[in-house]
Amino acid sequence: MTFFVPLLKQRGYLAQIHLTLCIVGSRKLDEFIHFDYSQQGWHIFAPNLTIYGFDADEEACDRRNQELENQQINWEEKHIPLAVWNQTGTATLYVTKHPGCCSLYPPNSIVVERFHEYAERHKLMGTVEIKTTTLDEYFADHNRSIDFLQLDVQGGELNVLQGAVQLLKQQVLAIESEVNFIELYQNQPLFSEVDSYLRHQEFTLFDFGKRWYAQRQEVPMHSRQHIGQLVWTDAFYFRDLVRLDQNLRFKTPQQILKSACIADILHFYDYALEALGYLTLKYGENPHYNLTDCLVETLEQNPEATRYGVDSIPLVAKLKKLAHP
């Protein structure tokens, strides 16, 4: 559920922006409806919306592209049967019993066999050679930019990021990446390495998604305090465009508006409001970026905000003072 975006769309403030999303590891669309971006609220940006999906599973990409054609969507979306990595060429894909666990890293049997949820799913069934590309090379050839990047590539997230140096440096505003805390795959990078890499690119960790735990094969019990060993989650990163000392080259009004909209879609309503307020206070002399009325009206229609007291929110007080000096 979005918060601020619907009224911004209704009032025409989103007509000036085009959002481009990139999903690396998009075959999950076949399995879970929440991976269907049209069901997450992104469709509100149509027709100014482009979605690229990448996956090594050619059949899954073809099936999804056919579904999109049948749906007659009013945005651009396509799924490309390529594995994204940190170099262009070929690589060995390790095929596991569960298709969603296939990876360019081999399963780590020493680890997964200890946990009954993972032992069977990660059982190695064979290997196949596949073509790889990098995000930098693909999008340089297609002359497109990326605003939001989602990664779910079974241990290879850091490799994908390493092949997206130029995109990260020049374009990407937010990232949702699967991160692991134990080595389900041999020599895979773990959360600390992904986090360090993104922090050096001036991304800020905002939160984790649902945490997934594993219980031990030989010990079918756990405590109330700890339901197992933490295995993986999704990590959400943003360029903090409100922070004054970072991401200076990104601090254009259009990028701030995009970032706030992405935050709203991803349910970071507090940051969305902060960014939209910052945009209004800094660029509000331009009517395209004076969002005071939209923000106040949205908050006044929200029961939780009204219980708290819309006028008691310090940022709202600043915005109202700007609108009515």
C-alpha atoms as a PDB file:
ATOM      1  CA  MET A   1       0.000   0.000   0.000  1.00  0.00           C
ATOM      2  CA  THR A   2       1.417   3.379  -0.965  1.00  0.00           C
ATOM      3  CA  PHE A   3       0.976   6.501   1.121  1.00  0.00           C
ATOM      4  CA  PHE A   4       1.895   9.734  -0.683  1.00  0.00           C
ATOM      5  CA  VAL A   5       2.245   8.539  -4.282  1.00  0.00           C
ATOM      6  CA  PRO A   6      -1.464   8.242  -5.218  1.00  0.00           C
ATOM      7  CA  LEU A   7      -2.239  11.905  -4.550  1.00  0.00           C
ATOM      8  CA  LEU A   8       1.036  13.011  -6.159  1.00  0.00           C
ATOM      9  CA  LYS A   9      -0.014  11.036  -9.227  1.00  0.00           C
ATOM     10  CA  GLN A  10      -3.535  12.488  -9.171  1.00  0.00           C
ATOM     11  CA  ARG A  11      -2.213  16.053  -8.949  1.00  0.00           C
ATOM     12  CA  GLY A  12       0.219  15.557 -11.847  1.00  0.00           C
ATOM     13  CA  TYR A  13       3.492  15.766  -9.929  1.00  0.00           C
ATOM     14  CA  LEU A  14       4.677  12.383 -11.256  1.00  0.00           C
ATOM     15  CA  ALA A  15       4.197  13.273 -14.929  1.00  0.00           C
ATOM     16  CA  GLN A  16       7.721  14.666 -15.007  1.00  0.00           C
ATOM     17  CA  ILE A  17       9.522  11.497 -13.888  1.00  0.00           C
ATOM     18  CA  HIS A  18      10.123   8.056 -15.409  1.00  0.00           C
ATOM     19  CA  LEU A  19      11.084   5.179 -13.116  1.00  0.00           C
ATOM     20  CA  THR A  20      13.201   2.256 -14.298  1.00  0.00           C
ATOM     21  CA  LEU A  21      13.469  -0.896 -12.209  1.00  0.00           C
ATOM     22  CA  CYS A  22      15.871  -3.799 -12.654  1.00  0.00           C
ATOM     23  CA  ILE A  23      15.239  -7.232 -11.144  1.00  0.00           C
ATOM     24  CA  VAL A  24      18.194  -9.626 -11.213  1.00  0.00           C
ATOM     25  CA  GLY A  25      16.898 -13.101 -10.491  1.00  0.00           C
ATOM     26  CA  SER A  26      13.384 -12.540 -11.785  1.00  0.00           C
ATOM     27  CA  ARG A  27      12.274 -16.182 -12.083  1.00  0.00           C
ATOM     28  CA  LYS A  28      10.784 -15.806  -8.589  1.00  0.00           C
ATOM     29  CA  LEU A  29       7.918 -14.101 -10.384  1.00  0.00           C
ATOM     30  CA  ASP A  30       6.806 -17.606 -11.276  1.00  0.00           C
ATOM     31  CA  GLU A  31       6.612 -18.648  -7.640  1.00  0.00           C
ATOM     32  CA  PHE A  32       5.518 -15.774  -5.448  1.00  0.00           C
ATOM     33  CA  ILE A  33       2.934 -13.137  -6.299  1.00  0.00           C
ATOM     34  CA  HIS A  34       4.767 -10.545  -4.183  1.00  0.00           C
ATOM     35  CA  PHE A  35       7.583 -10.625  -6.736  1.00  0.00           C
ATOM     36  CA  ASP A  36       5.124  -9.396  -9.381  1.00  0.00           C
ATOM     37  CA  TYR A  37       5.875  -5.700  -9.464  1.00  0.00           C
ATOM     38  CA  SER A  38       2.445  -4.846 -10.820  1.00  0.00           C
ATOM     39  CA  GLN A  39       1.065  -6.162  -7.506  1.00  0.00           C
ATOM     40  CA  GLN A  40       3.392  -4.015  -5.389  1.00  0.00           C
ATOM     41  CA  GLY A  41       2.125  -0.630  -6.470  1.00  0.00           C
ATOM     42  CA  TRP A  42       4.738   0.210  -9.085  1.00  0.00           C
ATOM     43  CA  HIS A  43       2.111   0.205 -11.828  1.00  0.00           C
ATOM     44  CA  ILE A  44       0.922   3.589 -10.562  1.00  0.00           C
ATOM     45  CA  PHE A  45       3.860   5.140 -12.447  1.00  0.00           C
ATOM     46  CA  ALA A  46       2.644   3.748 -15.787  1.00  0.00           C
ATOM     47  CA  PRO A  47       3.060   4.627 -18.537  1.00  0.00           C
ATOM     48  CA  ASN A  48       6.268   6.231 -17.204  1.00  0.00           C
ATOM     49  CA  LEU A  49       7.574   2.902 -15.934  1.00  0.00           C
ATOM     50  CA  THR A  50      10.119   0.447 -17.313  1.00  0.00           C
ATOM     51  CA  ILE A  51      10.976  -2.909 -15.710  1.00  0.00           C
ATOM     52  CA  TYR A  52      13.858  -5.164 -16.742  1.00  0.00           C
ATOM     53  CA  GLY A  53      14.115  -8.684 -15.394  1.00  0.00           C
ATOM     54  CA  PHE A  54      17.159 -10.923 -15.785  1.00  0.00           C
ATOM     55  CA  ASP A  55      17.362 -14.647 -15.150  1.00  0.00           C
ATOM     56  CA  ALA A  56      19.360 -17.583 -16.460  1.00  0.00           C
ATOM     57  CA  ASP A  57      16.132 -19.575 -16.771  1.00  0.00           C
ATOM     58  CA  GLU A  58      15.143 -18.939 -20.400  1.00  0.00           C
ATOM     59  CA  GLU A  59      11.851 -20.809 -20.087  1.00  0.00           C
ATOM     60  CA  ALA A  60      10.788 -18.732 -17.085  1.00  0.00           C
ATOM     61  CA  CYS A  61      11.656 -15.503 -18.920  1.00  0.00           C
ATOM     62  CA  ASP A  62       9.693 -16.571 -21.994  1.00  0.00           C
ATOM     63  CA  ARG A  63       6.699 -17.536 -19.871  1.00  0.00           C
ATOM     64  CA  ARG A  64       6.705 -14.228 -18.023  1.00  0.00           C
ATOM     65  CA  ASN A  65       7.054 -12.217 -21.241  1.00  0.00           C
ATOM     66  CA  GLN A  66       4.079 -14.072 -22.701  1.00  0.00           C
ATOM     67  CA  GLU A  67       2.017 -13.386 -19.584  1.00  0.00           C
ATOM     68  CA  LEU A  68       2.809  -9.684 -19.861  1.00  0.00           C
ATOM     69  CA  GLU A  69       1.779  -9.656 -23.512  1.00  0.00           C
ATOM     70  CA  ASN A  70      -1.514 -11.331 -22.616  1.00  0.00           C
ATOM     71  CA  GLN A  71      -2.137  -8.809 -19.832  1.00  0.00           C
ATOM     72  CA  GLN A  72      -1.723  -5.897 -22.257  1.00  0.00           C
ATOM     73  CA  ILE A  73       0.145  -3.836 -19.671  1.00  0.00           C
ATOM     74  CA  ASN A  74       0.514  -0.089 -20.122  1.00  0.00           C
ATOM     75  CA  TRP A  75       4.159   0.052 -19.068  1.00  0.00           C
ATOM     76  CA  GLU A  76       7.324  -1.420 -20.573  1.00  0.00           C
ATOM     77  CA  GLU A  77       8.491  -4.690 -19.014  1.00  0.00           C
ATOM     78  CA  LYS A  78      10.648  -7.478 -20.379  1.00  0.00           C
ATOM     79  CA  HIS A  79      12.578 -10.404 -18.953  1.00  0.00           C
ATOM     80  CA  ILE A  80      15.945 -11.213 -20.455  1.00  0.00           C
ATOM     81  CA  PRO A  81      17.380 -14.769 -20.343  1.00  0.00           C
ATOM     82  CA  LEU A  82      20.887 -13.828 -19.244  1.00  0.00           C
ATOM     83  CA  ALA A  83      22.814 -14.465 -16.046  1.00  0.00           C
ATOM     84  CA  VAL A  84      24.142 -11.224 -14.579  1.00  0.00           C
ATOM     85  CA  TRP A  85      27.597 -11.407 -13.018  1.00  0.00           C
ATOM     86  CA  ASN A  86      30.784  -9.379 -12.580  1.00  0.00           C
ATOM     87  CA  GLN A  87      32.092 -10.233 -16.039  1.00  0.00           C
ATOM     88  CA  THR A  88      30.822 -11.019 -19.504  1.00  0.00           C
ATOM     89  CA  GLY A  89      31.429 -14.485 -20.908  1.00  0.00           C
ATOM     90  CA  THR A  90      30.379 -17.917 -19.705  1.00  0.00           C
ATOM     91  CA  ALA A  91      30.074 -19.478 -16.272  1.00  0.00           C
ATOM     92  CA  THR A  92      29.005 -22.728 -14.658  1.00  0.00           C
ATOM     93  CA  LEU A  93      25.474 -22.780 -13.281  1.00  0.00           C
ATOM     94  CA  TYR A  94      25.030 -25.271 -10.450  1.00  0.00           C
ATOM     95  CA  VAL A  95      21.568 -26.770 -10.863  1.00  0.00           C
ATOM     96  CA  THR A  96      19.867 -27.707  -7.606  1.00  0.00           C
ATOM     97  CA  LYS A  97      16.809 -29.804  -6.847  1.00  0.00           C
ATOM     98  CA  HIS A  98      14.782 -26.648  -6.190  1.00  0.00           C
ATOM     99  CA  PRO A  99      15.071 -24.386  -9.250  1.00  0.00           C
ATOM    100  CA  GLY A 100      15.088 -21.256  -7.110  1.00  0.00           C
ATOM    101  CA  CYS A 101      18.300 -22.371  -5.387  1.00  0.00           C
ATOM    102  CA  CYS A 102      20.417 -22.662  -8.557  1.00  0.00           C
ATOM    103  CA  SER A 103      23.528 -20.514  -8.366  1.00  0.00           C
ATOM    104  CA  LEU A 104      26.844 -19.676  -9.979  1.00  0.00           C
ATOM    105  CA  TYR A 105      28.306 -20.753  -6.655  1.00  0.00           C
ATOM    106  CA  PRO A 106      28.252 -24.485  -5.819  1.00  0.00           C
ATOM    107  CA  PRO A 107      26.061 -25.556  -2.886  1.00  0.00           C
ATOM    108  CA  ASN A 108      27.981 -25.864   0.360  1.00  0.00           C
ATOM    109  CA  SER A 109      27.002 -29.367   1.464  1.00  0.00           C
ATOM    110  CA  ILE A 110      29.009 -29.063   4.695  1.00  0.00           C
ATOM    111  CA  VAL A 111      26.632 -26.304   5.807  1.00  0.00           C
ATOM    112  CA  VAL A 112      23.293 -27.085   4.177  1.00  0.00           C
ATOM    113  CA  GLU A 113      23.201 -30.718   5.289  1.00  0.00           C
ATOM    114  CA  ARG A 114      23.034 -29.544   8.904  1.00  0.00           C
ATOM    115  CA  PHE A 115      19.684 -27.777   8.295  1.00  0.00           C
ATOM    116  CA  HIS A 116      16.637 -29.761   7.234  1.00  0.00           C
ATOM    117  CA  GLU A 117      15.011 -26.819   5.404  1.00  0.00           C
ATOM    118  CA  TYR A 118      17.978 -26.492   3.067  1.00  0.00           C
ATOM    119  CA  ALA A 119      19.538 -29.939   2.608  1.00  0.00           C
ATOM    120  CA  GLU A 120      17.005 -31.181   0.065  1.00  0.00           C
ATOM    121  CA  ARG A 121      16.415 -27.860  -1.724  1.00  0.00           C
ATOM    122  CA  HIS A 122      20.137 -27.307  -2.335  1.00  0.00           C
ATOM    123  CA  LYS A 123      20.908 -30.847  -3.460  1.00  0.00           C
ATOM    124  CA  LEU A 124      23.147 -30.605  -6.546  1.00  0.00           C
ATOM    125  CA  MET A 125      21.573 -32.203  -9.626  1.00  0.00           C
ATOM    126  CA  GLY A 126      24.099 -31.175 -12.280  1.00  0.00           C
ATOM    127  CA  THR A 127      25.815 -28.262 -13.983  1.00  0.00           C
ATOM    128  CA  VAL A 128      25.390 -26.326 -17.202  1.00  0.00           C
ATOM    129  CA  GLU A 129      27.424 -23.631 -18.948  1.00  0.00           C
ATOM    130  CA  ILE A 130      25.565 -20.357 -19.419  1.00  0.00           C
ATOM    131  CA  LYS A 131      26.201 -16.897 -20.834  1.00  0.00           C
ATOM    132  CA  THR A 132      26.828 -14.022 -18.438  1.00  0.00           C
ATOM    133  CA  THR A 133      26.747 -10.266 -18.757  1.00  0.00           C
ATOM    134  CA  THR A 134      27.254  -7.285 -16.457  1.00  0.00           C
ATOM    135  CA  LEU A 135      24.679  -4.628 -15.758  1.00  0.00           C
ATOM    136  CA  ASP A 136      27.143  -1.935 -16.806  1.00  0.00           C
ATOM    137  CA  GLU A 137      27.708  -3.525 -20.196  1.00  0.00           C
ATOM    138  CA  TYR A 138      24.065  -4.354 -20.872  1.00  0.00           C
ATOM    139  CA  PHE A 139      22.703  -0.934 -20.039  1.00  0.00           C
ATOM    140  CA  ALA A 140      25.548   0.920 -21.734  1.00  0.00           C
ATOM    141  CA  ASP A 141      24.592  -0.910 -24.936  1.00  0.00           C
ATOM    142  CA  HIS A 142      20.902  -0.095 -24.431  1.00  0.00           C
ATOM    143  CA  ASN A 143      21.404   3.498 -23.273  1.00  0.00           C
ATOM    144  CA  ARG A 144      19.093   3.163 -20.277  1.00  0.00           C
ATOM    145  CA  SER A 145      19.406   4.222 -16.661  1.00  0.00           C
ATOM    146  CA  ILE A 146      18.317   2.334 -13.529  1.00  0.00           C
ATOM    147  CA  ASP A 147      16.610   3.898 -10.513  1.00  0.00           C
ATOM    148  CA  PHE A 148      15.845   0.840  -8.372  1.00  0.00           C
ATOM    149  CA  LEU A 149      17.743  -2.447  -8.324  1.00  0.00           C
ATOM    150  CA  GLN A 150      16.526  -5.716  -6.785  1.00  0.00           C
ATOM    151  CA  LEU A 151      18.916  -8.650  -6.404  1.00  0.00           C
ATOM    152  CA  ASP A 152      18.099 -12.277  -5.643  1.00  0.00           C
ATOM    153  CA  VAL A 153      20.817 -14.445  -7.172  1.00  0.00           C
ATOM    154  CA  GLN A 154      21.566 -17.038  -4.518  1.00  0.00           C
ATOM    155  CA  GLY A 155      24.849 -15.800  -3.118  1.00  0.00           C
ATOM    156  CA  GLY A 156      26.020 -13.808  -6.143  1.00  0.00           C
ATOM    157  CA  GLU A 157      24.643 -10.399  -5.147  1.00  0.00           C
ATOM    158  CA  LEU A 158      28.083  -8.866  -4.557  1.00  0.00           C
ATOM    159  CA  ASN A 159      29.261 -10.159  -7.943  1.00  0.00           C
ATOM    160  CA  VAL A 160      26.324  -8.441  -9.632  1.00  0.00           C
ATOM    161  CA  LEU A 161      27.101  -5.192  -7.814  1.00  0.00           C
ATOM    162  CA  GLN A 162      30.754  -5.416  -8.827  1.00  0.00           C
ATOM    163  CA  GLY A 163      29.609  -5.558 -12.446  1.00  0.00           C
ATOM    164  CA  ALA A 164      27.469  -2.447 -11.966  1.00  0.00           C
ATOM    165  CA  VAL A 165      30.126   0.066 -10.934  1.00  0.00           C
ATOM    166  CA  GLN A 166      29.053   2.768 -13.375  1.00  0.00           C
ATOM    167  CA  LEU A 167      25.349   2.305 -12.699  1.00  0.00           C
ATOM    168  CA  LEU A 168      25.911   2.595  -8.971  1.00  0.00           C
ATOM    169  CA  LYS A 169      28.155   5.604  -9.392  1.00  0.00           C
ATOM    170  CA  GLN A 170      25.840   7.527 -11.709  1.00  0.00           C
ATOM    171  CA  GLN A 171      22.242   6.339 -11.442  1.00  0.00           C
ATOM    172  CA  VAL A 172      20.902   3.879  -8.854  1.00  0.00           C
ATOM    173  CA  LEU A 173      18.896   5.447  -6.020  1.00  0.00           C
ATOM    174  CA  ALA A 174      17.777   2.398  -4.024  1.00  0.00           C
ATOM    175  CA  ILE A 175      18.592  -1.303  -3.761  1.00  0.00           C
ATOM    176  CA  GLU A 176      16.819  -4.323  -2.326  1.00  0.00           C
ATOM    177  CA  SER A 177      19.284  -7.184  -2.052  1.00  0.00           C
ATOM    178  CA  GLU A 178      19.067 -10.652  -0.626  1.00  0.00           C
ATOM    179  CA  VAL A 179      21.899 -11.101   1.877  1.00  0.00           C
ATOM    180  CA  ASN A 180      23.164 -14.235   3.584  1.00  0.00           C
ATOM    181  CA  PHE A 181      24.598 -14.745   7.051  1.00  0.00           C
ATOM    182  CA  ILE A 182      25.871 -18.302   6.541  1.00  0.00           C
ATOM    183  CA  GLU A 183      27.538 -19.898   3.510  1.00  0.00           C
ATOM    184  CA  LEU A 184      24.797 -21.872   1.805  1.00  0.00           C
ATOM    185  CA  TYR A 185      27.122 -21.801  -1.214  1.00  0.00           C
ATOM    186  CA  GLN A 186      30.855 -22.354  -1.243  1.00  0.00           C
ATOM    187  CA  ASN A 187      32.845 -19.118  -0.861  1.00  0.00           C
ATOM    188  CA  GLN A 188      29.819 -16.895  -1.363  1.00  0.00           C
ATOM    189  CA  PRO A 189      30.087 -13.315  -0.057  1.00  0.00           C
ATOM    190  CA  LEU A 190      28.075 -12.717   3.102  1.00  0.00           C
ATOM    191  CA  PHE A 191      26.124  -9.713   4.360  1.00  0.00           C
ATOM    192  CA  SER A 192      29.143  -7.913   5.801  1.00  0.00           C
ATOM    193  CA  GLU A 193      30.867  -7.852   2.403  1.00  0.00           C
ATOM    194  CA  VAL A 194      27.767  -6.637   0.551  1.00  0.00           C
ATOM    195  CA  ASP A 195      27.145  -3.986   3.197  1.00  0.00           C
ATOM    196  CA  SER A 196      30.740  -2.741   3.103  1.00  0.00           C
ATOM    197  CA  TYR A 197      30.666  -2.496  -0.684  1.00  0.00           C
ATOM    198  CA  LEU A 198      27.429  -0.517  -0.750  1.00  0.00           C
ATOM    199  CA  ARG A 199      28.458   1.796   2.084  1.00  0.00           C
ATOM    200  CA  HIS A 200      31.550   2.712   0.065  1.00  0.00           C
ATOM    201  CA  GLN A 201      29.158   3.587  -2.777  1.00  0.00           C
ATOM    202  CA  GLU A 202      27.343   5.996  -0.396  1.00  0.00           C
ATOM    203  CA  PHE A 203      24.305   3.807   0.160  1.00  0.00           C
ATOM    204  CA  THR A 204      22.726   3.676   3.617  1.00  0.00           C
ATOM    205  CA  LEU A 205      21.178   0.533   5.083  1.00  0.00           C
ATOM    206  CA  PHE A 206      17.604   1.354   6.106  1.00  0.00           C
ATOM    207  CA  ASP A 207      16.218  -1.987   7.239  1.00  0.00           C
ATOM    208  CA  PHE A 208      15.918  -5.724   6.761  1.00  0.00           C
ATOM    209  CA  GLY A 209      12.897  -7.594   5.453  1.00  0.00           C
ATOM    210  CA  LYS A 210      11.555 -10.818   6.879  1.00  0.00           C
ATOM    211  CA  ARG A 211      14.307 -12.883   8.502  1.00  0.00           C
ATOM    212  CA  TRP A 212      14.629 -16.532   7.568  1.00  0.00           C
ATOM    213  CA  TYR A 213      16.041 -19.027  10.034  1.00  0.00           C
ATOM    214  CA  ALA A 214      17.149 -22.654   9.873  1.00  0.00           C
ATOM    215  CA  GLN A 215      16.692 -25.471  12.372  1.00  0.00           C
ATOM    216  CA  ARG A 216      19.264 -28.200  12.774  1.00  0.00           C
ATOM    217  CA  GLN A 217      18.726 -31.632  11.275  1.00  0.00           C
ATOM    218  CA  GLU A 218      19.669 -33.571  14.383  1.00  0.00           C
ATOM    219  CA  VAL A 219      18.060 -31.228  16.913  1.00  0.00           C
ATOM    220  CA  PRO A 220      14.351 -30.591  16.133  1.00  0.00           C
ATOM    221  CA  MET A 221      13.875 -28.012  18.896  1.00  0.00           C
ATOM    222  CA  HIS A 222      14.603 -24.371  19.649  1.00  0.00           C
ATOM    223  CA  SER A 223      14.092 -21.795  22.376  1.00  0.00           C
ATOM    224  CA  ARG A 224      11.432 -19.109  22.508  1.00  0.00           C
ATOM    225  CA  GLN A 225      14.113 -16.443  22.264  1.00  0.00           C
ATOM    226  CA  HIS A 226      15.879 -17.895  19.201  1.00  0.00           C
ATOM    227  CA  ILE A 227      13.931 -19.885  16.614  1.00  0.00           C
ATOM    228  CA  GLY A 228      17.043 -21.125  14.821  1.00  0.00           C
ATOM    229  CA  GLN A 229      20.129 -19.784  13.115  1.00  0.00           C
ATOM    230  CA  LEU A 230      19.720 -16.635  11.011  1.00  0.00           C
ATOM    231  CA  VAL A 231      20.278 -17.574   7.367  1.00  0.00           C
ATOM    232  CA  TRP A 232      19.156 -14.761   5.081  1.00  0.00           C
ATOM    233  CA  THR A 233      16.974 -11.729   4.599  1.00  0.00           C
ATOM    234  CA  ASP A 234      16.466  -8.843   2.188  1.00  0.00           C
ATOM    235  CA  ALA A 235      18.407  -5.654   2.920  1.00  0.00           C
ATOM    236  CA  PHE A 236      17.055  -2.263   1.831  1.00  0.00           C
ATOM    237  CA  TYR A 237      19.515   0.472   0.886  1.00  0.00           C
ATOM    238  CA  PHE A 238      18.909   4.072  -0.164  1.00  0.00           C
ATOM    239  CA  ARG A 239      20.993   6.985  -1.216  1.00  0.00           C
ATOM    240  CA  ASP A 240      20.136   9.322   1.633  1.00  0.00           C
ATOM    241  CA  LEU A 241      19.477  12.464  -0.360  1.00  0.00           C
ATOM    242  CA  VAL A 242      18.389  14.387   2.729  1.00  0.00           C
ATOM    243  CA  ARG A 243      21.766  13.899   4.421  1.00  0.00           C
ATOM    244  CA  LEU A 244      23.753  17.016   3.582  1.00  0.00           C
ATOM    245  CA  ASP A 245      27.239  15.529   3.349  1.00  0.00           C
ATOM    246  CA  GLN A 246      26.629  12.589   0.988  1.00  0.00           C
ATOM    247  CA  ASN A 247      25.493  11.870  -2.569  1.00  0.00           C
ATOM    248  CA  LEU A 248      25.977  15.493  -3.585  1.00  0.00           C
ATOM    249  CA  ARG A 249      25.854  14.757  -7.319  1.00  0.00           C
ATOM    250  CA  PHE A 250      22.432  13.094  -6.898  1.00  0.00           C
ATOM    251  CA  LYS A 251      20.750  16.005  -5.126  1.00  0.00           C
ATOM    252  CA  THR A 252      18.631  17.222  -8.008  1.00  0.00           C
ATOM    253  CA  PRO A 253      14.917  17.832  -7.416  1.00  0.00           C
ATOM    254  CA  GLN A 254      13.948  15.076  -9.851  1.00  0.00           C
ATOM    255  CA  GLN A 255      16.184  12.508  -8.157  1.00  0.00           C
ATOM    256  CA  ILE A 256      14.890  13.490  -4.725  1.00  0.00           C
ATOM    257  CA  LEU A 257      11.305  13.060  -5.962  1.00  0.00           C
ATOM    258  CA  LYS A 258      12.134   9.658  -7.452  1.00  0.00           C
ATOM    259  CA  SER A 259      13.862   8.499  -4.280  1.00  0.00           C
ATOM    260  CA  ALA A 260      10.920   9.575  -2.148  1.00  0.00           C
ATOM    261  CA  CYS A 261       8.479   7.725  -4.406  1.00  0.00           C
ATOM    262  CA  ILE A 262      10.569   4.553  -4.238  1.00  0.00           C
ATOM    263  CA  ALA A 263      10.670   4.847  -0.442  1.00  0.00           C
ATOM    264  CA  ASP A 264       6.886   5.221  -0.388  1.00  0.00           C
ATOM    265  CA  ILE A 265       6.374   2.102  -2.526  1.00  0.00           C
ATOM    266  CA  LEU A 266       8.712   0.150  -0.236  1.00  0.00           C
ATOM    267  CA  HIS A 267       6.770   1.333   2.863  1.00  0.00           C
ATOM    268  CA  PHE A 268       9.428   3.675   4.255  1.00  0.00           C
ATOM    269  CA  TYR A 269       6.792   6.341   4.788  1.00  0.00           C
ATOM    270  CA  ASP A 270       8.804   8.352   7.292  1.00  0.00           C
ATOM    271  CA  TYR A 271      11.718   8.777   4.907  1.00  0.00           C
ATOM    272  CA  ALA A 272       9.344   9.433   1.994  1.00  0.00           C
ATOM    273  CA  LEU A 273       7.790  12.296   3.961  1.00  0.00           C
ATOM    274  CA  GLU A 274      11.177  13.622   5.040  1.00  0.00           C
ATOM    275  CA  ALA A 275      12.458  13.588   1.446  1.00  0.00           C
ATOM    276  CA  LEU A 276       9.293  15.165   0.005  1.00  0.00           C
ATOM    277  CA  GLY A 277       9.416  17.839   2.692  1.00  0.00           C
ATOM    278  CA  TYR A 278      13.098  18.471   1.991  1.00  0.00           C
ATOM    279  CA  LEU A 279      12.285  18.762  -1.707  1.00  0.00           C
ATOM    280  CA  THR A 280       9.569  21.315  -0.987  1.00  0.00           C
ATOM    281  CA  LEU A 281      11.677  23.380   1.415  1.00  0.00           C
ATOM    282  CA  LYS A 282      14.654  23.479  -0.939  1.00  0.00           C
ATOM    283  CA  TYR A 283      12.950  23.792  -4.332  1.00  0.00           C
ATOM    284  CA  GLY A 284       9.429  24.888  -3.428  1.00  0.00           C
ATOM    285  CA  GLU A 285       9.677  28.112  -5.387  1.00  0.00           C
ATOM    286  CA  ASN A 286       9.118  25.882  -8.408  1.00  0.00           C
ATOM    287  CA  PRO A 287       5.446  24.818  -8.364  1.00  0.00           C
ATOM    288  CA  HIS A 288       6.424  21.372  -9.709  1.00  0.00           C
ATOM    289  CA  TYR A 289       8.208  20.713  -6.401  1.00  0.00           C
ATOM    290  CA  ASN A 290       6.001  22.505  -3.892  1.00  0.00           C
ATOM    291  CA  LEU A 291       4.167  19.542  -2.416  1.00  0.00           C
ATOM    292  CA  THR A 292       2.881  21.068   0.804  1.00  0.00           C
ATOM    293  CA  ASP A 293      -0.828  20.717   0.018  1.00  0.00           C
ATOM    294  CA  CYS A 294      -0.426  17.106  -1.139  1.00  0.00           C
ATOM    295  CA  LEU A 295       1.549  16.101   1.927  1.00  0.00           C
ATOM    296  CA  VAL A 296      -0.772  17.763   4.411  1.00  0.00           C
ATOM    297  CA  GLU A 297      -3.893  16.414   2.711  1.00  0.00           C
ATOM    298  CA  THR A 298      -2.467  12.876   2.645  1.00  0.00           C
ATOM    299  CA  LEU A 299      -1.576  13.027   6.336  1.00  0.00           C
ATOM    300  CA  GLU A 300      -4.970  14.455   7.287  1.00  0.00           C
ATOM    301  CA  GLN A 301      -6.647  11.482   5.623  1.00  0.00           C
ATOM    302  CA  ASN A 302      -4.548   8.986   7.597  1.00  0.00           C
ATOM    303  CA  PRO A 303      -6.072   7.902  10.941  1.00  0.00           C
ATOM    304  CA  GLU A 304      -2.702   7.253  12.576  1.00  0.00           C
ATOM    305  CA  ALA A 305      -1.344  10.646  11.548  1.00  0.00           C
ATOM    306  CA  THR A 306      -4.479  12.435  12.740  1.00  0.00           C
ATOM    307  CA  ARG A 307      -4.328  10.644  16.109  1.00  0.00           C
ATOM    308  CA  TYR A 308      -0.742  11.802  16.480  1.00  0.00           C
ATOM    309  CA  GLY A 309      -1.698  15.303  15.383  1.00  0.00           C
ATOM    310  CA  VAL A 310      -0.694  16.418  11.893  1.00  0.00           C
ATOM    311  CA  ASP A 311       0.146  19.958  13.012  1.00  0.00           C
ATOM    312  CA  SER A 312       2.401  18.614  15.757  1.00  0.00           C
ATOM    313  CA  ILE A 313       4.745  17.029  13.201  1.00  0.00           C
ATOM    314  CA  PRO A 314       7.700  19.468  13.069  1.00  0.00           C
ATOM    315  CA  LEU A 315       8.220  19.061   9.325  1.00  0.00           C
ATOM    316  CA  VAL A 316       4.549  19.818   8.638  1.00  0.00           C
ATOM    317  CA  ALA A 317       4.805  22.988  10.703  1.00  0.00           C
ATOM    318  CA  LYS A 318       7.781  24.102   8.585  1.00  0.00           C
ATOM    319  CA  LEU A 319       5.935  23.365   5.365  1.00  0.00           C
ATOM    320  CA  LYS A 320       2.818  25.246   6.447  1.00  0.00           C
ATOM    321  CA  LYS A 321       4.941  28.219   7.482  1.00  0.00           C
ATOM    322  CA  LEU A 322       6.531  28.215   4.038  1.00  0.00           C
ATOM    323  CA  ALA A 323       3.133  28.055   2.332  1.00  0.00           C
ATOM    324  CA  HIS A 324       1.624  30.801   4.534  1.00  0.00           C
ATOM    325  CA  PRO A 325       4.407  33.131   5.730  1.00  0.00           C
END
